[in-house]
Amino acid sequence: MAANKFSIVISGWPAVGKTTIAGKLAEEFGLVMYNGGDILKMLAAEKGYSTGRDDWWDTAEARKFMQQRKADPSFDKKVDKKLVEIVRKSGTVITSYTLPWLVKEESVIKMWLRGSPENRAKRMANRDRISFADARKIIALRDEENKKIYHGLYGFCFGEDLAVFDYVLNTDRLPLDSLIEISKLIVRRQIGR
């Protein structure tokens, strides 16, 4: 794989560290970073939602949007179509719940980050400055919503059907800085650097 002719897609459960690792990989390899959630958030803003907060996905307004989203699969299909176009151009790192199942190109390195609900809730509570109990509820709700949405849209079992991934990293086992270094090493080896 040529050093400049690849993209990386990182998927995993909410609050598992996808964006943090993607950002570090983008810096290390000179890639442009995209987030599927940000594109979906842009579509929500176009529908009149005020999405300016960093923790918007955890608000009552976001839950209302999620209800509208469930009734209209075109939101997710638009996001995914755009992300497929972007990843095929190479030179990107994208965090996405669905993209690994939608692209088959050999030039795309696919990583799944796994983590327990407890550790993800701790991470969310710390990141968003909310209680652990609230974070735990949000994690459980978002996990169930993701399973239902993506099974309904595409027929895969989110979080269970991992055969499409090149690499699976357990974020419970190592600190984030170690996971970042391992991810960089994986990419270096994959692209021959």
N, C-alpha and C. Protein backbone atom coordinates (compact mmCIF):
# COMPACT_ATOMS: atom_id res chain seq x y z
N MET A 1 0.86 -1.17 0.00
CA MET A 1 0.00 0.00 0.00
C MET A 1 0.90 1.24 0.00
N ALA A 2 0.73 2.12 -0.94
CA ALA A 2 1.53 3.33 -1.02
C ALA A 2 1.26 4.22 0.19
N ALA A 3 2.30 4.87 0.69
CA ALA A 3 2.21 5.64 1.93
C ALA A 3 1.15 6.73 1.89
N ASN A 4 0.90 7.31 0.75
CA ASN A 4 -0.09 8.39 0.69
C ASN A 4 -1.42 7.95 0.06
N LYS A 5 -1.58 6.68 -0.19
CA LYS A 5 -2.78 6.18 -0.85
C LYS A 5 -3.58 5.27 0.08
N PHE A 6 -3.86 5.77 1.27
CA PHE A 6 -4.63 4.96 2.21
C PHE A 6 -5.53 5.87 3.03
N SER A 7 -6.51 5.27 3.64
CA SER A 7 -7.36 5.94 4.62
C SER A 7 -7.53 5.00 5.80
N ILE A 8 -7.94 5.56 6.92
CA ILE A 8 -8.19 4.78 8.13
C ILE A 8 -9.62 5.04 8.57
N VAL A 9 -10.32 3.98 8.95
CA VAL A 9 -11.65 4.13 9.53
C VAL A 9 -11.61 3.51 10.91
N ILE A 10 -12.05 4.29 11.90
CA ILE A 10 -12.09 3.82 13.28
C ILE A 10 -13.54 3.78 13.73
N SER A 11 -13.94 2.62 14.22
CA SER A 11 -15.30 2.44 14.72
C SER A 11 -15.25 1.87 16.13
N GLY A 12 -16.37 1.85 16.78
CA GLY A 12 -16.46 1.31 18.13
C GLY A 12 -17.63 1.94 18.85
N TRP A 13 -17.87 1.47 20.06
CA TRP A 13 -18.98 1.97 20.86
C TRP A 13 -18.77 3.44 21.24
N PRO A 14 -19.84 4.15 21.61
CA PRO A 14 -19.68 5.53 22.08
C PRO A 14 -18.73 5.63 23.27
N ALA A 15 -17.95 6.71 23.31
CA ALA A 15 -17.04 7.06 24.41
C ALA A 15 -15.94 6.03 24.62
N VAL A 16 -15.46 5.43 23.52
CA VAL A 16 -14.40 4.42 23.63
C VAL A 16 -13.03 4.99 23.27
N GLY A 17 -12.98 6.23 22.74
CA GLY A 17 -11.71 6.86 22.38
C GLY A 17 -11.47 7.02 20.89
N LYS A 18 -12.50 6.83 20.07
CA LYS A 18 -12.34 6.90 18.61
C LYS A 18 -11.77 8.23 18.14
N THR A 19 -12.38 9.31 18.60
CA THR A 19 -11.98 10.64 18.12
C THR A 19 -10.56 10.98 18.57
N THR A 20 -10.21 10.63 19.80
CA THR A 20 -8.87 10.92 20.31
C THR A 20 -7.81 10.19 19.48
N ILE A 21 -8.01 8.91 19.25
CA ILE A 21 -7.03 8.13 18.48
C ILE A 21 -7.01 8.60 17.03
N ALA A 22 -8.17 8.87 16.46
CA ALA A 22 -8.22 9.35 15.07
C ALA A 22 -7.45 10.67 14.93
N GLY A 23 -7.62 11.56 15.88
CA GLY A 23 -6.92 12.84 15.82
C GLY A 23 -5.40 12.68 15.84
N LYS A 24 -4.92 11.78 16.67
CA LYS A 24 -3.47 11.53 16.76
C LYS A 24 -2.95 10.87 15.48
N LEU A 25 -3.73 9.96 14.90
CA LEU A 25 -3.32 9.33 13.64
C LEU A 25 -3.31 10.36 12.51
N ALA A 26 -4.28 11.26 12.50
CA ALA A 26 -4.32 12.31 11.48
C ALA A 26 -3.06 13.17 11.56
N GLU A 27 -2.68 13.55 12.79
CA GLU A 27 -1.46 14.35 12.98
C GLU A 27 -0.22 13.60 12.51
N GLU A 28 -0.11 12.35 12.93
CA GLU A 28 1.09 11.55 12.65
C GLU A 28 1.30 11.31 11.16
N PHE A 29 0.22 11.06 10.43
CA PHE A 29 0.35 10.64 9.03
C PHE A 29 -0.12 11.70 8.04
N GLY A 30 -0.39 12.91 8.51
CA GLY A 30 -0.80 13.99 7.61
C GLY A 30 -2.13 13.73 6.92
N LEU A 31 -3.08 13.16 7.66
CA LEU A 31 -4.39 12.83 7.11
C LEU A 31 -5.42 13.88 7.52
N VAL A 32 -6.46 13.99 6.73
CA VAL A 32 -7.57 14.87 7.08
C VAL A 32 -8.56 14.05 7.90
N MET A 33 -9.01 14.62 9.01
CA MET A 33 -9.92 13.88 9.90
C MET A 33 -11.37 14.28 9.68
N TYR A 34 -12.24 13.26 9.62
CA TYR A 34 -13.68 13.46 9.52
C TYR A 34 -14.35 12.62 10.59
N ASN A 35 -15.50 13.10 11.05
CA ASN A 35 -16.27 12.39 12.05
C ASN A 35 -17.69 12.24 11.53
N GLY A 36 -18.17 11.00 11.42
CA GLY A 36 -19.52 10.75 10.93
C GLY A 36 -20.56 11.47 11.76
N GLY A 37 -20.34 11.53 13.07
CA GLY A 37 -21.27 12.23 13.95
C GLY A 37 -21.35 13.71 13.66
N ASP A 38 -20.22 14.32 13.26
CA ASP A 38 -20.22 15.75 12.94
C ASP A 38 -21.05 16.03 11.70
N ILE A 39 -20.98 15.14 10.72
CA ILE A 39 -21.78 15.33 9.51
C ILE A 39 -23.26 15.15 9.83
N LEU A 40 -23.58 14.16 10.67
CA LEU A 40 -24.96 13.97 11.10
C LEU A 40 -25.44 15.19 11.89
N LYS A 41 -24.57 15.75 12.72
CA LYS A 41 -24.89 16.95 13.49
C LYS A 41 -25.17 18.14 12.56
N MET A 42 -24.42 18.24 11.45
CA MET A 42 -24.67 19.30 10.47
C MET A 42 -26.07 19.16 9.88
N LEU A 43 -26.48 17.92 9.61
CA LEU A 43 -27.82 17.69 9.09
C LEU A 43 -28.88 18.08 10.14
N ALA A 44 -28.58 17.81 11.41
CA ALA A 44 -29.51 18.21 12.49
C ALA A 44 -29.62 19.73 12.55
N ALA A 45 -28.49 20.42 12.39
CA ALA A 45 -28.51 21.89 12.41
C ALA A 45 -29.34 22.42 11.25
N GLU A 46 -29.23 21.78 10.09
CA GLU A 46 -30.04 22.18 8.94
C GLU A 46 -31.53 22.02 9.21
N LYS A 47 -31.89 21.10 10.11
CA LYS A 47 -33.29 20.87 10.49
C LYS A 47 -33.73 21.81 11.62
N GLY A 48 -32.83 22.71 12.06
CA GLY A 48 -33.20 23.70 13.06
C GLY A 48 -32.75 23.41 14.48
N TYR A 49 -32.03 22.33 14.69
CA TYR A 49 -31.51 22.03 16.02
C TYR A 49 -30.28 22.89 16.30
N SER A 50 -30.11 23.33 17.56
CA SER A 50 -28.92 24.10 17.93
C SER A 50 -27.88 23.13 18.47
N THR A 51 -26.89 22.84 17.65
CA THR A 51 -25.94 21.75 17.92
C THR A 51 -24.57 22.24 18.35
N GLY A 52 -24.46 23.47 18.82
CA GLY A 52 -23.17 24.08 19.10
C GLY A 52 -22.38 23.48 20.25
N ARG A 53 -23.03 22.83 21.18
CA ARG A 53 -22.31 22.29 22.35
C ARG A 53 -21.50 21.06 21.98
N ASP A 54 -20.33 20.91 22.62
CA ASP A 54 -19.48 19.74 22.38
C ASP A 54 -20.17 18.44 22.80
N ASP A 55 -20.93 18.50 23.88
CA ASP A 55 -21.61 17.30 24.38
C ASP A 55 -23.06 17.21 23.89
N TRP A 56 -23.34 17.82 22.74
CA TRP A 56 -24.71 17.91 22.23
C TRP A 56 -25.39 16.55 22.15
N TRP A 57 -24.68 15.51 21.77
CA TRP A 57 -25.30 14.19 21.61
C TRP A 57 -25.91 13.67 22.90
N ASP A 58 -25.51 14.23 24.02
CA ASP A 58 -26.00 13.75 25.31
C ASP A 58 -27.11 14.63 25.88
N THR A 59 -27.66 15.54 25.07
CA THR A 59 -28.70 16.46 25.54
C THR A 59 -30.10 15.95 25.17
N ALA A 60 -31.12 16.57 25.81
CA ALA A 60 -32.52 16.25 25.50
C ALA A 60 -32.84 16.58 24.04
N GLU A 61 -32.26 17.67 23.53
CA GLU A 61 -32.50 18.05 22.14
C GLU A 61 -31.96 16.98 21.17
N ALA A 62 -30.81 16.43 21.50
CA ALA A 62 -30.24 15.37 20.66
C ALA A 62 -31.12 14.13 20.70
N ARG A 63 -31.67 13.82 21.87
CA ARG A 63 -32.58 12.66 21.95
C ARG A 63 -33.82 12.89 21.09
N LYS A 64 -34.29 14.13 21.05
CA LYS A 64 -35.44 14.47 20.19
C LYS A 64 -35.05 14.26 18.72
N PHE A 65 -33.86 14.73 18.36
CA PHE A 65 -33.37 14.53 17.00
C PHE A 65 -33.25 13.05 16.67
N MET A 66 -32.76 12.26 17.65
CA MET A 66 -32.63 10.81 17.44
C MET A 66 -33.99 10.17 17.15
N GLN A 67 -35.03 10.66 17.78
CA GLN A 67 -36.37 10.15 17.50
C GLN A 67 -36.77 10.47 16.06
N GLN A 68 -36.49 11.69 15.62
CA GLN A 68 -36.77 12.08 14.24
C GLN A 68 -35.91 11.26 13.28
N ARG A 69 -34.66 11.04 13.65
CA ARG A 69 -33.74 10.27 12.83
C ARG A 69 -34.25 8.84 12.64
N LYS A 70 -34.77 8.24 13.71
CA LYS A 70 -35.29 6.87 13.60
C LYS A 70 -36.44 6.77 12.61
N ALA A 71 -37.23 7.83 12.53
CA ALA A 71 -38.38 7.83 11.63
C ALA A 71 -37.98 8.12 10.18
N ASP A 72 -36.77 8.65 9.97
CA ASP A 72 -36.34 9.04 8.64
C ASP A 72 -34.91 8.56 8.39
N PRO A 73 -34.75 7.35 7.83
CA PRO A 73 -33.41 6.80 7.60
C PRO A 73 -32.55 7.60 6.62
N SER A 74 -33.13 8.58 5.94
CA SER A 74 -32.34 9.35 4.99
C SER A 74 -31.22 10.12 5.67
N PHE A 75 -31.38 10.49 6.95
CA PHE A 75 -30.30 11.18 7.67
C PHE A 75 -29.03 10.35 7.61
N ASP A 76 -29.12 9.11 8.06
CA ASP A 76 -27.94 8.24 8.12
C ASP A 76 -27.43 7.88 6.74
N LYS A 77 -28.33 7.65 5.83
CA LYS A 77 -27.91 7.29 4.47
C LYS A 77 -27.13 8.44 3.81
N LYS A 78 -27.56 9.68 4.05
CA LYS A 78 -26.84 10.84 3.50
C LYS A 78 -25.43 10.94 4.09
N VAL A 79 -25.34 10.78 5.40
CA VAL A 79 -24.04 10.83 6.06
C VAL A 79 -23.13 9.74 5.50
N ASP A 80 -23.64 8.52 5.44
CA ASP A 80 -22.83 7.39 4.98
C ASP A 80 -22.40 7.54 3.53
N LYS A 81 -23.28 8.04 2.70
CA LYS A 81 -22.92 8.24 1.29
C LYS A 81 -21.76 9.23 1.17
N LYS A 82 -21.84 10.31 1.94
CA LYS A 82 -20.77 11.32 1.92
C LYS A 82 -19.46 10.73 2.44
N LEU A 83 -19.53 9.95 3.52
CA LEU A 83 -18.32 9.36 4.09
C LEU A 83 -17.68 8.35 3.15
N VAL A 84 -18.48 7.57 2.44
CA VAL A 84 -17.94 6.62 1.46
C VAL A 84 -17.17 7.37 0.38
N GLU A 85 -17.74 8.48 -0.10
CA GLU A 85 -17.05 9.28 -1.11
C GLU A 85 -15.72 9.80 -0.59
N ILE A 86 -15.72 10.29 0.64
CA ILE A 86 -14.51 10.86 1.24
C ILE A 86 -13.43 9.79 1.42
N VAL A 87 -13.78 8.65 1.99
CA VAL A 87 -12.78 7.63 2.30
C VAL A 87 -12.15 7.06 1.03
N ARG A 88 -12.89 7.01 -0.03
CA ARG A 88 -12.36 6.47 -1.29
C ARG A 88 -11.33 7.38 -1.95
N LYS A 89 -11.28 8.64 -1.54
CA LYS A 89 -10.30 9.57 -2.09
C LYS A 89 -8.92 9.39 -1.47
N SER A 90 -8.83 8.66 -0.36
CA SER A 90 -7.59 8.43 0.38
C SER A 90 -7.14 9.68 1.12
N GLY A 91 -6.19 9.48 2.02
CA GLY A 91 -5.64 10.59 2.78
C GLY A 91 -6.52 11.06 3.93
N THR A 92 -7.38 10.17 4.44
CA THR A 92 -8.30 10.56 5.50
C THR A 92 -8.27 9.57 6.66
N VAL A 93 -8.69 10.04 7.81
CA VAL A 93 -9.01 9.17 8.93
C VAL A 93 -10.42 9.58 9.35
N ILE A 94 -11.29 8.60 9.45
CA ILE A 94 -12.71 8.86 9.71
C ILE A 94 -13.18 8.01 10.87
N THR A 95 -13.91 8.64 11.79
CA THR A 95 -14.60 7.87 12.81
C THR A 95 -16.04 7.71 12.34
N SER A 96 -16.49 6.47 12.33
CA SER A 96 -17.84 6.19 11.82
C SER A 96 -18.35 4.89 12.40
N TYR A 97 -19.63 4.87 12.72
CA TYR A 97 -20.24 3.63 13.19
C TYR A 97 -20.46 2.65 12.05
N THR A 98 -20.70 3.11 10.84
CA THR A 98 -21.14 2.23 9.75
C THR A 98 -20.12 2.00 8.64
N LEU A 99 -19.23 2.94 8.42
CA LEU A 99 -18.34 2.91 7.26
C LEU A 99 -17.57 1.60 7.09
N PRO A 100 -17.08 0.96 8.15
CA PRO A 100 -16.33 -0.28 7.93
C PRO A 100 -17.13 -1.37 7.20
N TRP A 101 -18.42 -1.37 7.36
CA TRP A 101 -19.26 -2.36 6.69
C TRP A 101 -19.62 -1.94 5.27
N LEU A 102 -19.40 -0.67 4.93
CA LEU A 102 -19.84 -0.15 3.64
C LEU A 102 -18.74 -0.03 2.60
N VAL A 103 -17.47 -0.06 3.02
CA VAL A 103 -16.36 0.04 2.06
C VAL A 103 -15.55 -1.25 2.07
N LYS A 104 -15.14 -1.66 0.89
CA LYS A 104 -14.40 -2.92 0.74
C LYS A 104 -12.98 -2.71 0.25
N GLU A 105 -12.60 -1.47 -0.01
CA GLU A 105 -11.29 -1.17 -0.59
C GLU A 105 -10.15 -1.67 0.29
N GLU A 106 -9.15 -2.26 -0.34
CA GLU A 106 -7.95 -2.74 0.35
C GLU A 106 -7.14 -1.60 0.95
N SER A 107 -7.29 -0.40 0.39
CA SER A 107 -6.51 0.76 0.85
C SER A 107 -7.08 1.39 2.12
N VAL A 108 -8.15 0.84 2.65
CA VAL A 108 -8.76 1.36 3.87
C VAL A 108 -8.40 0.44 5.04
N ILE A 109 -7.73 1.00 6.03
CA ILE A 109 -7.38 0.27 7.25
C ILE A 109 -8.54 0.45 8.23
N LYS A 110 -9.12 -0.65 8.68
CA LYS A 110 -10.30 -0.59 9.54
C LYS A 110 -9.96 -1.07 10.95
N MET A 111 -10.25 -0.21 11.93
CA MET A 111 -9.99 -0.55 13.33
C MET A 111 -11.28 -0.47 14.15
N TRP A 112 -11.45 -1.44 15.03
CA TRP A 112 -12.56 -1.44 15.98
C TRP A 112 -11.97 -1.25 17.37
N LEU A 113 -12.51 -0.27 18.11
CA LEU A 113 -12.11 -0.06 19.49
C LEU A 113 -13.21 -0.60 20.38
N ARG A 114 -12.82 -1.50 21.27
CA ARG A 114 -13.82 -2.09 22.15
C ARG A 114 -13.51 -1.65 23.57
N GLY A 115 -14.57 -1.54 24.37
CA GLY A 115 -14.41 -1.15 25.76
C GLY A 115 -15.67 -1.47 26.54
N SER A 116 -15.51 -1.75 27.81
CA SER A 116 -16.65 -2.10 28.65
C SER A 116 -17.54 -0.88 28.88
N PRO A 117 -18.83 -1.11 29.12
CA PRO A 117 -19.73 0.01 29.43
C PRO A 117 -19.25 0.82 30.64
N GLU A 118 -18.67 0.16 31.63
CA GLU A 118 -18.20 0.87 32.83
C GLU A 118 -17.07 1.84 32.49
N ASN A 119 -16.08 1.37 31.76
CA ASN A 119 -14.96 2.24 31.42
C ASN A 119 -15.38 3.35 30.47
N ARG A 120 -16.28 3.04 29.57
CA ARG A 120 -16.77 4.08 28.66
C ARG A 120 -17.58 5.13 29.42
N ALA A 121 -18.36 4.70 30.40
CA ALA A 121 -19.12 5.65 31.22
C ALA A 121 -18.19 6.53 32.05
N LYS A 122 -17.11 5.95 32.58
CA LYS A 122 -16.12 6.75 33.32
C LYS A 122 -15.51 7.81 32.41
N ARG A 123 -15.16 7.37 31.19
CA ARG A 123 -14.57 8.29 30.22
C ARG A 123 -15.54 9.42 29.88
N MET A 124 -16.80 9.07 29.62
CA MET A 124 -17.81 10.08 29.28
C MET A 124 -18.05 11.03 30.46
N ALA A 125 -18.15 10.48 31.67
CA ALA A 125 -18.39 11.32 32.85
C ALA A 125 -17.27 12.33 33.02
N ASN A 126 -16.04 11.89 32.85
CA ASN A 126 -14.87 12.77 32.96
C ASN A 126 -14.84 13.78 31.83
N ARG A 127 -15.04 13.31 30.62
CA ARG A 127 -14.97 14.17 29.43
C ARG A 127 -16.06 15.23 29.44
N ASP A 128 -17.29 14.83 29.78
CA ASP A 128 -18.44 15.74 29.68
C ASP A 128 -18.84 16.36 31.02
N ARG A 129 -18.07 16.03 32.06
CA ARG A 129 -18.32 16.57 33.41
C ARG A 129 -19.75 16.29 33.87
N ILE A 130 -20.13 15.03 33.80
CA ILE A 130 -21.43 14.60 34.28
C ILE A 130 -21.21 13.46 35.27
N SER A 131 -22.25 13.07 35.97
CA SER A 131 -22.09 12.00 36.95
C SER A 131 -21.89 10.66 36.23
N PHE A 132 -21.23 9.75 36.95
CA PHE A 132 -21.04 8.40 36.40
C PHE A 132 -22.40 7.74 36.13
N ALA A 133 -23.36 7.92 37.02
CA ALA A 133 -24.69 7.32 36.86
C ALA A 133 -25.37 7.84 35.59
N ASP A 134 -25.27 9.15 35.35
CA ASP A 134 -25.86 9.71 34.13
C ASP A 134 -25.14 9.20 32.89
N ALA A 135 -23.82 9.13 32.96
CA ALA A 135 -23.04 8.63 31.82
C ALA A 135 -23.40 7.18 31.53
N ARG A 136 -23.57 6.40 32.56
CA ARG A 136 -23.93 4.98 32.38
C ARG A 136 -25.27 4.85 31.66
N LYS A 137 -26.25 5.68 32.03
CA LYS A 137 -27.56 5.66 31.37
C LYS A 137 -27.44 6.06 29.90
N ILE A 138 -26.66 7.10 29.64
CA ILE A 138 -26.48 7.57 28.26
C ILE A 138 -25.80 6.50 27.41
N ILE A 139 -24.76 5.88 27.97
CA ILE A 139 -24.05 4.81 27.25
C ILE A 139 -25.02 3.68 26.90
N ALA A 140 -25.81 3.23 27.87
CA ALA A 140 -26.75 2.13 27.63
C ALA A 140 -27.76 2.51 26.54
N LEU A 141 -28.28 3.74 26.61
CA LEU A 141 -29.25 4.20 25.62
C LEU A 141 -28.63 4.26 24.23
N ARG A 142 -27.46 4.87 24.13
CA ARG A 142 -26.81 5.02 22.82
C ARG A 142 -26.39 3.67 22.24
N ASP A 143 -25.94 2.75 23.09
CA ASP A 143 -25.58 1.42 22.60
C ASP A 143 -26.78 0.73 21.97
N GLU A 144 -27.91 0.77 22.65
CA GLU A 144 -29.13 0.12 22.13
C GLU A 144 -29.62 0.81 20.86
N GLU A 145 -29.59 2.14 20.84
CA GLU A 145 -30.02 2.89 19.65
C GLU A 145 -29.15 2.53 18.45
N ASN A 146 -27.83 2.48 18.65
CA ASN A 146 -26.93 2.15 17.54
C ASN A 146 -27.23 0.75 17.00
N LYS A 147 -27.42 -0.20 17.88
CA LYS A 147 -27.72 -1.57 17.42
C LYS A 147 -28.97 -1.58 16.56
N LYS A 148 -30.03 -0.94 17.04
CA LYS A 148 -31.31 -0.94 16.31
C LYS A 148 -31.21 -0.21 14.98
N ILE A 149 -30.64 0.98 15.02
CA ILE A 149 -30.56 1.80 13.80
C ILE A 149 -29.80 1.08 12.70
N TYR A 150 -28.59 0.58 13.01
CA TYR A 150 -27.75 0.03 11.96
C TYR A 150 -28.19 -1.35 11.51
N HIS A 151 -28.81 -2.09 12.40
CA HIS A 151 -29.38 -3.36 11.95
C HIS A 151 -30.55 -3.09 11.01
N GLY A 152 -31.36 -2.10 11.34
CA GLY A 152 -32.49 -1.74 10.49
C GLY A 152 -32.07 -1.18 9.14
N LEU A 153 -31.04 -0.36 9.13
CA LEU A 153 -30.58 0.28 7.89
C LEU A 153 -29.80 -0.68 6.99
N TYR A 154 -28.88 -1.46 7.59
CA TYR A 154 -27.93 -2.22 6.79
C TYR A 154 -27.90 -3.71 7.08
N GLY A 155 -28.54 -4.15 8.16
CA GLY A 155 -28.62 -5.57 8.46
C GLY A 155 -27.43 -6.15 9.20
N PHE A 156 -26.45 -5.33 9.61
CA PHE A 156 -25.35 -5.90 10.38
C PHE A 156 -25.59 -5.69 11.87
N CYS A 157 -24.93 -6.51 12.66
CA CYS A 157 -25.06 -6.46 14.12
C CYS A 157 -23.91 -5.63 14.68
N PHE A 158 -24.18 -4.35 14.93
CA PHE A 158 -23.17 -3.43 15.43
C PHE A 158 -22.61 -3.94 16.74
N GLY A 159 -21.29 -3.98 16.83
CA GLY A 159 -20.62 -4.43 18.04
C GLY A 159 -20.43 -5.93 18.13
N GLU A 160 -21.05 -6.68 17.24
CA GLU A 160 -20.95 -8.14 17.26
C GLU A 160 -20.30 -8.66 15.98
N ASP A 161 -20.67 -8.12 14.84
CA ASP A 161 -20.17 -8.55 13.54
C ASP A 161 -18.87 -7.79 13.23
N LEU A 162 -17.74 -8.31 13.73
CA LEU A 162 -16.47 -7.60 13.61
C LEU A 162 -15.56 -8.17 12.52
N ALA A 163 -16.06 -9.06 11.70
CA ALA A 163 -15.24 -9.71 10.67
C ALA A 163 -14.70 -8.72 9.64
N VAL A 164 -15.32 -7.56 9.48
CA VAL A 164 -14.88 -6.58 8.49
C VAL A 164 -13.65 -5.80 8.93
N PHE A 165 -13.25 -5.93 10.19
CA PHE A 165 -12.15 -5.14 10.73
C PHE A 165 -10.80 -5.82 10.54
N ASP A 166 -9.79 -4.99 10.26
CA ASP A 166 -8.42 -5.47 10.17
C ASP A 166 -7.81 -5.65 11.56
N TYR A 167 -8.21 -4.76 12.50
CA TYR A 167 -7.63 -4.77 13.84
C TYR A 167 -8.71 -4.45 14.86
N VAL A 168 -8.63 -5.11 16.03
CA VAL A 168 -9.52 -4.84 17.15
C VAL A 168 -8.64 -4.56 18.37
N LEU A 169 -8.85 -3.40 18.99
CA LEU A 169 -8.08 -3.01 20.17
C LEU A 169 -9.02 -2.88 21.37
N ASN A 170 -8.62 -3.45 22.49
CA ASN A 170 -9.41 -3.38 23.71
C ASN A 170 -8.94 -2.19 24.53
N THR A 171 -9.77 -1.16 24.63
CA THR A 171 -9.38 0.07 25.31
C THR A 171 -9.42 -0.05 26.84
N ASP A 172 -9.91 -1.18 27.35
CA ASP A 172 -9.89 -1.42 28.80
C ASP A 172 -8.51 -1.89 29.28
N ARG A 173 -7.72 -2.43 28.38
CA ARG A 173 -6.47 -3.10 28.78
C ARG A 173 -5.27 -2.17 28.94
N LEU A 174 -5.24 -1.10 28.17
CA LEU A 174 -4.07 -0.21 28.17
C LEU A 174 -4.51 1.25 28.29
N PRO A 175 -3.64 2.10 28.79
CA PRO A 175 -3.97 3.53 28.81
C PRO A 175 -4.02 4.09 27.38
N LEU A 176 -4.71 5.21 27.23
CA LEU A 176 -4.93 5.79 25.92
C LEU A 176 -3.64 6.10 25.18
N ASP A 177 -2.62 6.60 25.87
CA ASP A 177 -1.37 6.93 25.16
C ASP A 177 -0.72 5.68 24.58
N SER A 178 -0.84 4.54 25.26
CA SER A 178 -0.30 3.28 24.72
C SER A 178 -1.11 2.83 23.50
N LEU A 179 -2.42 2.98 23.57
CA LEU A 179 -3.27 2.61 22.43
C LEU A 179 -2.97 3.48 21.21
N ILE A 180 -2.67 4.74 21.44
CA ILE A 180 -2.30 5.63 20.34
C ILE A 180 -1.01 5.15 19.69
N GLU A 181 -0.01 4.82 20.50
CA GLU A 181 1.27 4.34 19.96
C GLU A 181 1.09 3.02 19.21
N ILE A 182 0.29 2.12 19.73
CA ILE A 182 0.01 0.84 19.04
C ILE A 182 -0.67 1.11 17.71
N SER A 183 -1.63 2.04 17.70
CA SER A 183 -2.34 2.37 16.46
C SER A 183 -1.39 2.94 15.42
N LYS A 184 -0.48 3.80 15.85
CA LYS A 184 0.51 4.37 14.93
C LYS A 184 1.39 3.26 14.36
N LEU A 185 1.82 2.35 15.21
CA LEU A 185 2.66 1.24 14.76
C LEU A 185 1.93 0.36 13.74
N ILE A 186 0.66 0.08 14.02
CA ILE A 186 -0.15 -0.72 13.08
C ILE A 186 -0.18 -0.05 11.72
N VAL A 187 -0.46 1.24 11.69
CA VAL A 187 -0.55 1.96 10.42
C VAL A 187 0.80 1.98 9.72
N ARG A 188 1.87 2.26 10.46
CA ARG A 188 3.21 2.27 9.86
C ARG A 188 3.52 0.93 9.18
N ARG A 189 3.26 -0.16 9.89
CA ARG A 189 3.52 -1.49 9.34
C ARG A 189 2.65 -1.77 8.11
N GLN A 190 1.40 -1.35 8.19
CA GLN A 190 0.45 -1.61 7.10
C GLN A 190 0.87 -0.88 5.81
N ILE A 191 1.35 0.36 5.98
CA ILE A 191 1.70 1.15 4.79
C ILE A 191 3.16 1.02 4.39
N GLY A 192 3.92 0.28 5.17
CA GLY A 192 5.31 0.03 4.81
C GLY A 192 6.27 1.14 5.15
N ARG A 193 5.99 1.89 6.19
CA ARG A 193 6.90 2.97 6.64
C ARG A 193 7.77 2.50 7.77
